[in-house]
PDB file of N, CA and C in Angstrom:
ATOM      1  N   GLU A   1      19.811  -3.791  13.075  1.00  0.00           N
ATOM      2  CA  GLU A   1      19.257  -2.846  13.344  1.00  0.00           C
ATOM      3  C   GLU A   1      17.563  -2.802  12.955  1.00  0.00           C
ATOM      4  N   LYS A   2      17.156  -3.363  13.213  1.00  0.00           N
ATOM      5  CA  LYS A   2      15.516  -3.740  12.598  1.00  0.00           C
ATOM      6  C   LYS A   2      15.481  -3.665  14.247  1.00  0.00           C
ATOM      7  N   TYR A   3      15.953  -3.868  14.985  1.00  0.00           N
ATOM      8  CA  TYR A   3      15.732  -4.309  16.383  1.00  0.00           C
ATOM      9  C   TYR A   3      16.014  -3.105  17.343  1.00  0.00           C
ATOM     10  N   GLU A   4      17.000  -2.891  16.549  1.00  0.00           N
ATOM     11  CA  GLU A   4      17.232  -1.239  17.877  1.00  0.00           C
ATOM     12  C   GLU A   4      16.608  -0.264  17.420  1.00  0.00           C
ATOM     13  N   PRO A   5      16.103   0.605  18.812  1.00  0.00           N
ATOM     14  CA  PRO A   5      15.107   1.934  18.666  1.00  0.00           C
ATOM     15  C   PRO A   5      15.916   3.258  17.977  1.00  0.00           C
ATOM     16  N   TYR A   6      14.851   3.699  16.864  1.00  0.00           N
ATOM     17  CA  TYR A   6      14.794   4.462  16.077  1.00  0.00           C
ATOM     18  C   TYR A   6      14.717   5.672  17.349  1.00  0.00           C
ATOM     19  N   PRO A   7      15.789   6.656  17.681  1.00  0.00           N
ATOM     20  CA  PRO A   7      15.489   7.755  18.332  1.00  0.00           C
ATOM     21  C   PRO A   7      14.792   8.649  18.495  1.00  0.00           C
ATOM     22  N   PRO A   8      14.609   9.437  17.218  1.00  0.00           N
ATOM     23  CA  PRO A   8      13.168  10.139  17.369  1.00  0.00           C
ATOM     24  C   PRO A   8      11.428   9.452  17.421  1.00  0.00           C
ATOM     25  N   LEU A   9      11.748   8.369  17.657  1.00  0.00           N
ATOM     26  CA  LEU A   9      10.322   7.555  17.889  1.00  0.00           C
ATOM     27  C   LEU A   9      10.281   7.166  19.299  1.00  0.00           C
ATOM     28  N   TRP A  10      11.200   6.919  19.558  1.00  0.00           N
ATOM     29  CA  TRP A  10      11.900   5.924  20.736  1.00  0.00           C
ATOM     30  C   TRP A  10      11.903   7.518  22.252  1.00  0.00           C
ATOM     31  N   ASP A  11      12.221   8.398  21.517  1.00  0.00           N
ATOM     32  CA  ASP A  11      12.246   9.500  22.459  1.00  0.00           C
ATOM     33  C   ASP A  11      11.123  10.265  22.865  1.00  0.00           C
ATOM     34  N   TYR A  12      10.144   9.994  21.534  1.00  0.00           N
ATOM     35  CA  TYR A  12       8.947  10.406  22.071  1.00  0.00           C
ATOM     36  C   TYR A  12       7.216   9.693  22.059  1.00  0.00           C
ATOM     37  N   LEU A  13       8.000   8.407  22.843  1.00  0.00           N
ATOM     38  CA  LEU A  13       6.952   7.414  23.170  1.00  0.00           C
ATOM     39  C   LEU A  13       6.327   8.252  24.831  1.00  0.00           C
ATOM     40  N   PRO A  14       7.457   8.669  25.473  1.00  0.00           N
ATOM     41  CA  PRO A  14       6.700   9.395  26.923  1.00  0.00           C
ATOM     42  C   PRO A  14       5.785  10.232  26.566  1.00  0.00           C
ATOM     43  N   LYS A  15       5.883  10.766  25.753  1.00  0.00           N
ATOM     44  CA  LYS A  15       4.878  11.928  25.534  1.00  0.00           C
ATOM     45  C   LYS A  15       3.707  11.364  24.930  1.00  0.00           C
ATOM     46  N   LEU A  16       3.783  10.333  24.433  1.00  0.00           N
ATOM     47  CA  LEU A  16       2.657   9.712  23.530  1.00  0.00           C
ATOM     48  C   LEU A  16       1.875   8.852  24.497  1.00  0.00           C
ATOM     49  N   ARG A  17       3.148   8.348  25.691  1.00  0.00           N
ATOM     50  CA  ARG A  17       2.074   7.669  26.516  1.00  0.00           C
ATOM     51  C   ARG A  17       1.515   8.358  27.392  1.00  0.00           C
ATOM     52  N   ASN A  18       1.551   9.563  27.263  1.00  0.00           N
ATOM     53  CA  ASN A  18       0.693  10.111  28.218  1.00  0.00           C
ATOM     54  C   ASN A  18      -0.783  10.292  27.975  1.00  0.00           C
ATOM     55  N   GLN A  19      -0.792  10.384  25.932  1.00  0.00           N
ATOM     56  CA  GLN A  19      -1.846  11.351  25.824  1.00  0.00           C
ATOM     57  C   GLN A  19      -2.653   9.607  25.296  1.00  0.00           C
ATOM     58  N   PHE A  20      -2.171   8.337  25.151  1.00  0.00           N
ATOM     59  CA  PHE A  20      -2.929   7.721  24.061  1.00  0.00           C
ATOM     60  C   PHE A  20      -1.831   6.227  24.883  1.00  0.00           C
ATOM     61  N   ARG A  21      -3.168   5.015  24.526  1.00  0.00           N
ATOM     62  CA  ARG A  21      -2.280   3.635  25.051  1.00  0.00           C
ATOM     63  C   ARG A  21      -1.644   3.393  24.030  1.00  0.00           C
ATOM     64  N   LEU A  22      -0.468   2.740  24.464  1.00  0.00           N
ATOM     65  CA  LEU A  22       0.568   2.613  23.465  1.00  0.00           C
ATOM     66  C   LEU A  22       0.246   0.654  23.308  1.00  0.00           C
ATOM     67  N   GLY A  23       0.895  -0.123  22.561  1.00  0.00           N
ATOM     68  CA  GLY A  23       1.354  -1.418  22.687  1.00  0.00           C
ATOM     69  C   GLY A  23       2.170  -1.963  21.388  1.00  0.00           C
ATOM     70  N   ILE A  24       2.525  -3.087  21.526  1.00  0.00           N
ATOM     71  CA  ILE A  24       3.417  -3.638  20.630  1.00  0.00           C
ATOM     72  C   ILE A  24       2.636  -4.820  20.343  1.00  0.00           C
ATOM     73  N   VAL A  25       2.078  -5.672  19.030  1.00  0.00           N
ATOM     74  CA  VAL A  25       2.086  -6.357  18.249  1.00  0.00           C
ATOM     75  C   VAL A  25       3.164  -7.159  17.855  1.00  0.00           C
ATOM     76  N   ASN A  26       4.149  -8.548  18.277  1.00  0.00           N
ATOM     77  CA  ASN A  26       4.858  -8.905  18.236  1.00  0.00           C
ATOM     78  C   ASN A  26       5.040 -10.561  17.687  1.00  0.00           C
ATOM     79  N   ASN A  27       5.548 -10.952  16.683  1.00  0.00           N
ATOM     80  CA  ASN A  27       5.395 -12.170  16.369  1.00  0.00           C
ATOM     81  C   ASN A  27       6.487 -13.064  16.525  1.00  0.00           C
ATOM     82  N   GLY A  28       6.876 -13.023  17.990  1.00  0.00           N
ATOM     83  CA  GLY A  28       8.153 -13.436  18.478  1.00  0.00           C
ATOM     84  C   GLY A  28       8.078 -14.822  18.968  1.00  0.00           C
ATOM     85  N   THR A  29       8.771 -15.696  19.622  1.00  0.00           N
ATOM     86  CA  THR A  29       8.952 -15.745  20.166  1.00  0.00           C
ATOM     87  C   THR A  29       8.674 -16.141  21.749  1.00  0.00           C
ATOM     88  N   TYR A  30       8.428 -17.038  23.089  1.00  0.00           N
ATOM     89  CA  TYR A  30       7.705 -16.918  24.004  1.00  0.00           C
ATOM     90  C   TYR A  30       8.871 -15.822  25.318  1.00  0.00           C
ATOM     91  N   LEU A  31      10.353 -16.144  24.344  1.00  0.00           N
ATOM     92  CA  LEU A  31      11.509 -15.374  24.695  1.00  0.00           C
ATOM     93  C   LEU A  31      11.759 -13.817  24.616  1.00  0.00           C
ATOM     94  N   THR A  32      11.098 -13.851  23.073  1.00  0.00           N
ATOM     95  CA  THR A  32      10.974 -12.162  23.051  1.00  0.00           C
ATOM     96  C   THR A  32      10.824 -11.276  23.682  1.00  0.00           C
ATOM     97  N   TYR A  33       9.193 -10.918  24.419  1.00  0.00           N
ATOM     98  CA  TYR A  33       9.366 -10.130  25.864  1.00  0.00           C
ATOM     99  C   TYR A  33      10.230 -10.450  26.839  1.00  0.00           C
ATOM    100  N   PRO A  34      10.684 -11.390  27.240  1.00  0.00           N
ATOM    101  CA  PRO A  34      11.880 -10.831  28.629  1.00  0.00           C
ATOM    102  C   PRO A  34      13.389 -10.544  27.993  1.00  0.00           C
ATOM    103  N   LEU A  35      13.549 -10.603  26.814  1.00  0.00           N
ATOM    104  CA  LEU A  35      14.622 -10.446  25.953  1.00  0.00           C
ATOM    105  C   LEU A  35      14.471  -8.817  25.988  1.00  0.00           C
ATOM    106  N   PHE A  36      13.485  -8.682  25.302  1.00  0.00           N
ATOM    107  CA  PHE A  36      13.401  -7.163  24.691  1.00  0.00           C
ATOM    108  C   PHE A  36      13.314  -6.234  26.273  1.00  0.00           C
ATOM    109  N   GLU A  37      12.440  -6.267  27.575  1.00  0.00           N
ATOM    110  CA  GLU A  37      12.136  -6.184  28.012  1.00  0.00           C
ATOM    111  C   GLU A  37      13.470  -5.740  29.085  1.00  0.00           C
ATOM    112  N   GLU A  38      14.429  -6.810  29.003  1.00  0.00           N
ATOM    113  CA  GLU A  38      15.951  -6.382  29.937  1.00  0.00           C
ATOM    114  C   GLU A  38      16.060  -5.640  29.052  1.00  0.00           C
ATOM    115  N   LYS A  39      16.345  -5.207  27.434  1.00  0.00           N
ATOM    116  CA  LYS A  39      16.926  -4.745  26.950  1.00  0.00           C
ATOM    117  C   LYS A  39      16.397  -3.067  26.900  1.00  0.00           C
ATOM    118  N   TYR A  40      15.020  -3.143  26.289  1.00  0.00           N
ATOM    119  CA  TYR A  40      14.263  -1.882  27.053  1.00  0.00           C
ATOM    120  C   TYR A  40      13.747  -1.289  27.504  1.00  0.00           C
ATOM    121  N   HIS A  41      13.381  -2.266  28.526  1.00  0.00           N
ATOM    122  CA  HIS A  41      12.324  -1.483  28.890  1.00  0.00           C
ATOM    123  C   HIS A  41      11.059  -1.006  28.865  1.00  0.00           C
ATOM    124  N   LEU A  42      10.803  -2.255  28.231  1.00  0.00           N
ATOM    125  CA  LEU A  42       9.329  -2.112  27.690  1.00  0.00           C
ATOM    126  C   LEU A  42       8.132  -1.858  28.648  1.00  0.00           C
ATOM    127  N   ASN A  43       8.026  -2.383  29.935  1.00  0.00           N
ATOM    128  CA  ASN A  43       6.764  -1.713  30.196  1.00  0.00           C
ATOM    129  C   ASN A  43       6.713  -0.556  30.749  1.00  0.00           C
ATOM    130  N   GLN A  44       7.903   0.371  30.660  1.00  0.00           N
ATOM    131  CA  GLN A  44       8.072   1.743  31.267  1.00  0.00           C
ATOM    132  C   GLN A  44       7.301   2.397  29.918  1.00  0.00           C
ATOM    133  N   LEU A  45       7.460   2.079  28.630  1.00  0.00           N
ATOM    134  CA  LEU A  45       7.011   2.552  27.671  1.00  0.00           C
ATOM    135  C   LEU A  45       5.979   2.566  26.861  1.00  0.00           C
ATOM    136  N   PHE A  46       4.961   0.870  26.945  1.00  0.00           N
ATOM    137  CA  PHE A  46       3.507   0.442  27.221  1.00  0.00           C
ATOM    138  C   PHE A  46       2.982   0.235  27.680  1.00  0.00           C
ATOM    139  N   ASP A  47       1.637   0.200  27.270  1.00  0.00           N
ATOM    140  CA  ASP A  47       0.568  -0.485  28.110  1.00  0.00           C
ATOM    141  C   ASP A  47       0.458  -2.208  28.248  1.00  0.00           C
ATOM    142  N   VAL A  48       0.810  -2.608  26.652  1.00  0.00           N
ATOM    143  CA  VAL A  48       0.605  -3.974  26.306  1.00  0.00           C
ATOM    144  C   VAL A  48       1.382  -4.545  25.069  1.00  0.00           C
ATOM    145  N   PHE A  49       1.703  -5.744  25.570  1.00  0.00           N
ATOM    146  CA  PHE A  49       2.823  -6.185  24.591  1.00  0.00           C
ATOM    147  C   PHE A  49       2.124  -7.754  24.278  1.00  0.00           C
ATOM    148  N   ILE A  50       2.064  -7.220  22.814  1.00  0.00           N
ATOM    149  CA  ILE A  50       0.810  -9.057  22.553  1.00  0.00           C
ATOM    150  C   ILE A  50       1.845  -9.912  21.618  1.00  0.00           C
ATOM    151  N   SER A  51       2.082 -10.901  22.220  1.00  0.00           N
ATOM    152  CA  SER A  51       2.946 -12.015  21.555  1.00  0.00           C
ATOM    153  C   SER A  51       2.279 -12.889  21.037  1.00  0.00           C
ATOM    154  N   SER A  52       2.638 -12.854  19.872  1.00  0.00           N
ATOM    155  CA  SER A  52       1.700 -14.068  18.945  1.00  0.00           C
ATOM    156  C   SER A  52       1.916 -15.924  19.715  1.00  0.00           C
ATOM    157  N   ALA A  53       3.032 -15.905  20.252  1.00  0.00           N
ATOM    158  CA  ALA A  53       3.420 -17.381  20.855  1.00  0.00           C
ATOM    159  C   ALA A  53       2.594 -17.104  22.046  1.00  0.00           C
ATOM    160  N   VAL A  54       2.230 -16.534  22.642  1.00  0.00           N
ATOM    161  CA  VAL A  54       1.127 -16.690  23.905  1.00  0.00           C
ATOM    162  C   VAL A  54      -0.093 -16.454  23.545  1.00  0.00           C
ATOM    163  N   GLU A  55      -0.360 -15.491  22.400  1.00  0.00           N
ATOM    164  CA  GLU A  55      -1.759 -15.512  21.814  1.00  0.00           C
ATOM    165  C   GLU A  55      -2.507 -16.877  20.376  1.00  0.00           C
ATOM    166  N   GLY A  56      -1.207 -17.587  20.148  1.00  0.00           N
ATOM    167  CA  GLY A  56      -1.843 -18.614  19.077  1.00  0.00           C
ATOM    168  C   GLY A  56      -1.981 -18.265  18.128  1.00  0.00           C
ATOM    169  N   VAL A  57      -1.560 -17.138  17.721  1.00  0.00           N
ATOM    170  CA  VAL A  57      -2.199 -16.279  16.213  1.00  0.00           C
ATOM    171  C   VAL A  57      -1.064 -15.502  15.853  1.00  0.00           C
ATOM    172  N   ARG A  58      -0.576 -15.162  14.413  1.00  0.00           N
ATOM    173  CA  ARG A  58       0.213 -14.400  13.991  1.00  0.00           C
ATOM    174  C   ARG A  58      -0.101 -13.750  13.192  1.00  0.00           C
ATOM    175  N   LYS A  59       0.576 -12.138  13.217  1.00  0.00           N
ATOM    176  CA  LYS A  59       0.046 -11.502  12.074  1.00  0.00           C
ATOM    177  C   LYS A  59       0.407 -12.169  10.503  1.00  0.00           C
ATOM    178  N   PRO A  60      -0.567 -11.458   9.959  1.00  0.00           N
ATOM    179  CA  PRO A  60      -1.102 -10.913   9.558  1.00  0.00           C
ATOM    180  C   PRO A  60      -2.964 -11.062   9.610  1.00  0.00           C
ATOM    181  N   ASN A  61      -3.018 -12.013  10.732  1.00  0.00           N
ATOM    182  CA  ASN A  61      -4.288 -12.680  10.939  1.00  0.00           C
ATOM    183  C   ASN A  61      -5.121 -11.373  12.069  1.00  0.00           C
ATOM    184  N   PRO A  62      -5.964 -11.270  11.266  1.00  0.00           N
ATOM    185  CA  PRO A  62      -7.051 -10.281  11.743  1.00  0.00           C
ATOM    186  C   PRO A  62      -7.227 -10.607  13.384  1.00  0.00           C
ATOM    187  N   SER A  63      -7.521 -11.263  13.566  1.00  0.00           N
ATOM    188  CA  SER A  63      -7.691 -12.080  15.091  1.00  0.00           C
ATOM    189  C   SER A  63      -6.550 -10.893  16.069  1.00  0.00           C
ATOM    190  N   ILE A  64      -5.458 -11.136  15.632  1.00  0.00           N
ATOM    191  CA  ILE A  64      -4.434 -10.930  16.394  1.00  0.00           C
ATOM    192  C   ILE A  64      -4.320  -9.237  16.765  1.00  0.00           C
ATOM    193  N   TYR A  65      -5.069  -8.537  15.769  1.00  0.00           N
ATOM    194  CA  TYR A  65      -5.310  -6.928  16.194  1.00  0.00           C
ATOM    195  C   TYR A  65      -6.190  -6.800  16.741  1.00  0.00           C
ATOM    196  N   VAL A  66      -7.335  -7.782  16.653  1.00  0.00           N
ATOM    197  CA  VAL A  66      -8.846  -7.203  17.683  1.00  0.00           C
ATOM    198  C   VAL A  66      -8.324  -7.451  18.806  1.00  0.00           C
ATOM    199  N   ARG A  67      -7.452  -8.686  19.358  1.00  0.00           N
ATOM    200  CA  ARG A  67      -7.374  -8.879  20.149  1.00  0.00           C
ATOM    201  C   ARG A  67      -6.558  -7.623  21.232  1.00  0.00           C
ATOM    202  N   ALA A  68      -5.549  -7.158  20.221  1.00  0.00           N
ATOM    203  CA  ALA A  68      -4.517  -5.637  20.504  1.00  0.00           C
ATOM    204  C   ALA A  68      -6.309  -5.139  20.854  1.00  0.00           C
ATOM    205  N   SER A  69      -6.419  -4.303  20.246  1.00  0.00           N
ATOM    206  CA  SER A  69      -7.454  -3.375  20.555  1.00  0.00           C
ATOM    207  C   SER A  69      -8.410  -3.784  21.897  1.00  0.00           C
ATOM    208  N   GLN A  70      -8.611  -4.972  21.710  1.00  0.00           N
ATOM    209  CA  GLN A  70      -9.008  -5.081  23.114  1.00  0.00           C
ATOM    210  C   GLN A  70      -8.581  -4.964  24.276  1.00  0.00           C
ATOM    211  N   LYS A  71      -7.535  -5.322  24.184  1.00  0.00           N
ATOM    212  CA  LYS A  71      -6.213  -5.369  25.728  1.00  0.00           C
ATOM    213  C   LYS A  71      -5.868  -3.728  25.961  1.00  0.00           C
ATOM    214  N   LEU A  72      -6.133  -3.352  24.654  1.00  0.00           N
ATOM    215  CA  LEU A  72      -5.824  -1.561  24.872  1.00  0.00           C
ATOM    216  C   LEU A  72      -7.180  -1.007  25.495  1.00  0.00           C
ATOM    217  N   GLY A  73      -8.039  -1.509  25.708  1.00  0.00           N
ATOM    218  CA  GLY A  73      -9.508  -1.247  25.323  1.00  0.00           C
ATOM    219  C   GLY A  73     -10.290  -0.048  24.752  1.00  0.00           C
ATOM    220  N   VAL A  74      -9.754   0.086  23.225  1.00  0.00           N
ATOM    221  CA  VAL A  74     -10.415   1.114  22.811  1.00  0.00           C
ATOM    222  C   VAL A  74     -10.582  -0.226  20.896  1.00  0.00           C
ATOM    223  N   SER A  75     -11.979   0.498  20.504  1.00  0.00           N
ATOM    224  CA  SER A  75     -11.882  -0.176  19.030  1.00  0.00           C
ATOM    225  C   SER A  75     -11.077  -0.204  17.834  1.00  0.00           C
ATOM    226  N   PRO A  76     -11.081  -1.127  16.876  1.00  0.00           N
ATOM    227  CA  PRO A  76      -9.784  -1.262  16.086  1.00  0.00           C
ATOM    228  C   PRO A  76      -9.474   0.323  15.234  1.00  0.00           C
ATOM    229  N   GLU A  77     -10.884   0.725  14.756  1.00  0.00           N
ATOM    230  CA  GLU A  77     -11.085   1.953  14.794  1.00  0.00           C
ATOM    231  C   GLU A  77     -10.105   3.594  15.650  1.00  0.00           C
ATOM    232  N   ARG A  78     -10.089   3.051  16.425  1.00  0.00           N
ATOM    233  CA  ARG A  78      -9.479   3.876  17.118  1.00  0.00           C
ATOM    234  C   ARG A  78      -7.934   3.569  17.351  1.00  0.00           C
ATOM    235  N   CYS A  79      -7.317   3.011  16.877  1.00  0.00           N
ATOM    236  CA  CYS A  79      -6.008   2.159  16.770  1.00  0.00           C
ATOM    237  C   CYS A  79      -4.944   2.871  15.390  1.00  0.00           C
ATOM    238  N   LEU A  80      -4.156   3.115  15.864  1.00  0.00           N
ATOM    239  CA  LEU A  80      -2.839   3.397  14.640  1.00  0.00           C
ATOM    240  C   LEU A  80      -1.760   2.324  14.871  1.00  0.00           C
ATOM    241  N   PHE A  81      -2.051   1.747  13.894  1.00  0.00           N
ATOM    242  CA  PHE A  81      -0.931   0.300  13.472  1.00  0.00           C
ATOM    243  C   PHE A  81       0.304   0.305  12.336  1.00  0.00           C
ATOM    244  N   MET A  82       1.521   0.444  13.015  1.00  0.00           N
ATOM    245  CA  MET A  82       2.248   0.581  11.466  1.00  0.00           C
ATOM    246  C   MET A  82       3.043  -0.679  11.859  1.00  0.00           C
ATOM    247  N   ASP A  83       3.815  -0.745  10.957  1.00  0.00           N
ATOM    248  CA  ASP A  83       4.726  -1.747  10.617  1.00  0.00           C
ATOM    249  C   ASP A  83       5.818  -1.532   9.393  1.00  0.00           C
ATOM    250  N   ASP A  84       6.897  -2.687   9.207  1.00  0.00           N
ATOM    251  CA  ASP A  84       7.809  -2.675   7.828  1.00  0.00           C
ATOM    252  C   ASP A  84       6.925  -3.328   7.028  1.00  0.00           C
ATOM    253  N   SER A  85       5.693  -4.607   7.142  1.00  0.00           N
ATOM    254  CA  SER A  85       5.320  -5.398   6.396  1.00  0.00           C
ATOM    255  C   SER A  85       4.134  -5.546   5.769  1.00  0.00           C
ATOM    256  N   VAL A  86       4.058  -5.092   4.380  1.00  0.00           N
ATOM    257  CA  VAL A  86       2.572  -4.652   3.717  1.00  0.00           C
ATOM    258  C   VAL A  86       1.406  -5.788   4.042  1.00  0.00           C
ATOM    259  N   GLU A  87       2.170  -7.132   4.418  1.00  0.00           N
ATOM    260  CA  GLU A  87       1.175  -7.761   4.187  1.00  0.00           C
ATOM    261  C   GLU A  87       0.422  -7.686   6.222  1.00  0.00           C
ATOM    262  N   ASN A  88       1.189  -7.078   6.647  1.00  0.00           N
ATOM    263  CA  ASN A  88       0.847  -7.131   8.021  1.00  0.00           C
ATOM    264  C   ASN A  88      -0.425  -5.474   8.451  1.00  0.00           C
ATOM    265  N   ILE A  89       0.776  -4.847   7.708  1.00  0.00           N
ATOM    266  CA  ILE A  89      -0.280  -3.419   7.511  1.00  0.00           C
ATOM    267  C   ILE A  89      -1.613  -4.233   6.696  1.00  0.00           C
ATOM    268  N   GLU A  90      -2.355  -4.874   6.321  1.00  0.00           N
ATOM    269  CA  GLU A  90      -3.484  -4.929   5.428  1.00  0.00           C
ATOM    270  C   GLU A  90      -3.938  -5.969   6.167  1.00  0.00           C
ATOM    271  N   GLY A  91      -3.520  -6.740   7.269  1.00  0.00           N
ATOM    272  CA  GLY A  91      -4.073  -7.784   8.374  1.00  0.00           C
ATOM    273  C   GLY A  91      -4.852  -6.598   9.572  1.00  0.00           C
ATOM    274  N   ALA A  92      -3.715  -5.208   9.679  1.00  0.00           N
ATOM    275  CA  ALA A  92      -4.871  -4.150  10.542  1.00  0.00           C
ATOM    276  C   ALA A  92      -5.696  -3.935   9.959  1.00  0.00           C
ATOM    277  N   ARG A  93      -5.317  -3.566   8.570  1.00  0.00           N
ATOM    278  CA  ARG A  93      -6.504  -2.882   7.944  1.00  0.00           C
ATOM    279  C   ARG A  93      -7.974  -3.546   8.075  1.00  0.00           C
ATOM    280  N   ARG A  94      -7.614  -4.796   7.773  1.00  0.00           N
ATOM    281  CA  ARG A  94      -9.212  -5.457   7.623  1.00  0.00           C
ATOM    282  C   ARG A  94     -10.000  -5.462   8.738  1.00  0.00           C
ATOM    283  N   VAL A  95      -9.476  -5.005   9.871  1.00  0.00           N
ATOM    284  CA  VAL A  95     -10.066  -4.520  10.976  1.00  0.00           C
ATOM    285  C   VAL A  95     -10.832  -3.102  11.242  1.00  0.00           C
ATOM    286  N   GLY A  96     -10.174  -2.312  10.655  1.00  0.00           N
ATOM    287  CA  GLY A  96     -10.033  -1.271  10.407  1.00  0.00           C
ATOM    288  C   GLY A  96      -9.244  -0.205  11.231  1.00  0.00           C
ATOM    289  N   MET A  97      -8.341  -0.757  11.323  1.00  0.00           N
ATOM    290  CA  MET A  97      -7.192   0.118  11.977  1.00  0.00           C
ATOM    291  C   MET A  97      -6.653   1.070  11.029  1.00  0.00           C
ATOM    292  N   GLN A  98      -6.343   2.268  11.147  1.00  0.00           N
ATOM    293  CA  GLN A  98      -5.364   3.130  10.380  1.00  0.00           C
ATOM    294  C   GLN A  98      -4.069   3.077  10.276  1.00  0.00           C
ATOM    295  N   THR A  99      -3.480   2.861   9.474  1.00  0.00           N
ATOM    296  CA  THR A  99      -1.536   2.152   9.392  1.00  0.00           C
ATOM    297  C   THR A  99      -1.164   3.221   8.814  1.00  0.00           C
ATOM    298  N   VAL A 100       0.401   2.604   9.503  1.00  0.00           N
ATOM    299  CA  VAL A 100       1.650   3.146   8.576  1.00  0.00           C
ATOM    300  C   VAL A 100       2.119   2.314   8.613  1.00  0.00           C
ATOM    301  N   HIS A 101       2.306   2.294   7.041  1.00  0.00           N
ATOM    302  CA  HIS A 101       3.495   1.263   6.611  1.00  0.00           C
ATOM    303  C   HIS A 101       4.838   2.104   6.773  1.00  0.00           C
ATOM    304  N   TRP A 102       5.683   1.210   7.538  1.00  0.00           N
ATOM    305  CA  TRP A 102       7.283   2.008   8.236  1.00  0.00           C
ATOM    306  C   TRP A 102       8.137   1.659   6.951  1.00  0.00           C
ATOM    307  N   LYS A 103       8.006   2.127   5.327  1.00  0.00           N
ATOM    308  CA  LYS A 103       9.110   2.174   4.896  1.00  0.00           C
ATOM    309  C   LYS A 103      10.791   2.319   5.118  1.00  0.00           C
ATOM    310  N   SER A 104      10.509   3.255   5.845  1.00  0.00           N
ATOM    311  CA  SER A 104      11.792   3.511   5.831  1.00  0.00           C
ATOM    312  C   SER A 104      12.048   4.188   7.537  1.00  0.00           C
ATOM    313  N   LYS A 105      12.527   4.769   7.653  1.00  0.00           N
ATOM    314  CA  LYS A 105      12.589   4.958   9.013  1.00  0.00           C
ATOM    315  C   LYS A 105      12.194   6.056   8.921  1.00  0.00           C
ATOM    316  N   GLU A 106      12.698   7.511   8.333  1.00  0.00           N
ATOM    317  CA  GLU A 106      12.514   8.675   7.754  1.00  0.00           C
ATOM    318  C   GLU A 106      10.975   8.952   7.442  1.00  0.00           C
ATOM    319  N   ILE A 107      10.592   8.226   6.080  1.00  0.00           N
ATOM    320  CA  ILE A 107       9.471   8.469   5.964  1.00  0.00           C
ATOM    321  C   ILE A 107       8.204   7.714   6.673  1.00  0.00           C
ATOM    322  N   GLY A 108       8.220   6.529   7.518  1.00  0.00           N
ATOM    323  CA  GLY A 108       7.801   6.191   8.341  1.00  0.00           C
ATOM    324  C   GLY A 108       7.279   6.780   9.884  1.00  0.00           C
ATOM    325  N   PHE A 109       8.157   7.711   9.732  1.00  0.00           N
ATOM    326  CA  PHE A 109       7.952   8.523  11.253  1.00  0.00           C
ATOM    327  C   PHE A 109       7.625   9.360  10.814  1.00  0.00           C
ATOM    328  N   GLN A 110       7.401  10.331   9.485  1.00  0.00           N
ATOM    329  CA  GLN A 110       7.036  11.331   8.989  1.00  0.00           C
ATOM    330  C   GLN A 110       5.265  11.228   9.143  1.00  0.00           C
ATOM    331  N   GLN A 111       5.285  10.066   8.243  1.00  0.00           N
ATOM    332  CA  GLN A 111       3.875   9.600   8.612  1.00  0.00           C
ATOM    333  C   GLN A 111       3.404   9.261   9.685  1.00  0.00           C
ATOM    334  N   PHE A 112       4.096   8.301  10.895  1.00  0.00           N
ATOM    335  CA  PHE A 112       3.658   8.459  11.783  1.00  0.00           C
ATOM    336  C   PHE A 112       3.149   9.891  12.581  1.00  0.00           C
ATOM    337  N   THR A 113       4.087  10.771  12.841  1.00  0.00           N
ATOM    338  CA  THR A 113       3.881  11.756  13.612  1.00  0.00           C
ATOM    339  C   THR A 113       2.395  12.559  12.672  1.00  0.00           C
ATOM    340  N   LYS A 114       2.511  12.954  11.404  1.00  0.00           N
ATOM    341  CA  LYS A 114       1.338  12.929  11.094  1.00  0.00           C
ATOM    342  C   LYS A 114      -0.119  12.098  11.081  1.00  0.00           C
ATOM    343  N   ALA A 115      -0.311  10.586  11.036  1.00  0.00           N
ATOM    344  CA  ALA A 115      -1.540  10.556  12.162  1.00  0.00           C
ATOM    345  C   ALA A 115      -1.382  10.369  13.411  1.00  0.00           C
ATOM    346  N   ILE A 116      -0.263  10.932  14.122  1.00  0.00           N
ATOM    347  CA  ILE A 116      -0.973  10.928  15.425  1.00  0.00           C
ATOM    348  C   ILE A 116      -1.254  12.243  15.798  1.00  0.00           C
ATOM    349  N   ASN A 117      -0.979  13.458  14.990  1.00  0.00           N
ATOM    350  CA  ASN A 117      -1.364  14.408  14.685  1.00  0.00           C
ATOM    351  C   ASN A 117      -2.652  15.066  14.451  1.00  0.00           C
ATOM    352  N   SER A 118      -3.346  13.906  13.900  1.00  0.00           N
ATOM    353  CA  SER A 118      -4.771  13.457  13.036  1.00  0.00           C
ATOM    354  C   SER A 118      -5.463  13.011  14.422  1.00  0.00           C
ATOM    355  N   PHE A 119      -4.990  11.820  15.006  1.00  0.00           N
ATOM    356  CA  PHE A 119      -5.776  11.587  16.193  1.00  0.00           C
ATOM    357  C   PHE A 119      -5.963  12.702  17.272  1.00  0.00           C
ATOM    358  N   GLN A 120      -4.542  13.506  17.650  1.00  0.00           N
ATOM    359  CA  GLN A 120      -5.274  14.310  18.564  1.00  0.00           C
ATOM    360  C   GLN A 120      -6.290  15.428  17.965  1.00  0.00           C
ATOM    361  N   THR A 121      -6.163  15.927  16.474  1.00  0.00           N
ATOM    362  CA  THR A 121      -7.220  16.795  16.444  1.00  0.00           C
ATOM    363  C   THR A 121      -8.488  16.262  15.818  1.00  0.00           C
ATOM    364  N   SER A 122      -8.580  14.725  16.340  1.00  0.00           N
ATOM    365  CA  SER A 122      -9.977  14.361  16.307  1.00  0.00           C
ATOM    366  C   SER A 122     -10.329  14.227  17.462  1.00  0.00           C
ATOM    367  N   LYS A 123      -9.348  13.862  18.671  1.00  0.00           N
ATOM    368  CA  LYS A 123      -9.952  13.937  20.165  1.00  0.00           C
ATOM    369  C   LYS A 123     -10.179  14.813  20.929  1.00  0.00           C
ATOM    370  N   ALA A 124      -9.727  16.283  19.912  1.00  0.00           N
ATOM    371  CA  ALA A 124      -9.766  17.990  20.829  1.00  0.00           C
ATOM    372  C   ALA A 124     -11.301  18.195  20.168  1.00  0.00           C
ATOM    373  N   ALA A 125     -11.874  17.730  19.016  1.00  0.00           N
ATOM    374  CA  ALA A 125     -13.174  18.075  18.415  1.00  0.00           C
ATOM    375  C   ALA A 125     -14.218  17.447  19.027  1.00  0.00           C
TER     376      ALA A 125
END
């Protein structure tokens, strides 16, 4: 279940990709991306896939978040990182990213949409 798409979020991704650059930071092996790409077609939904196996550094090491923001072409302060691990959230916060701790699907999605609305408001200003 941890690796199955959450439909409200998954359905929202194409709209978000029209407004934001989207990325995944993953602590998986070299095989993670090809398997996820085959199953979920990630390249159609995300601009960047950061693999700890490729980068040689894992979450919560702050350098992986900096690399992600660089590959997305934005400063860490303009990034929203979400994860179900408090340690990973803290790593992202250390580099200045805004974060959402995905405690449960419902709470995480609610906090995520609130944060996205805040980003949209700040972009319009």
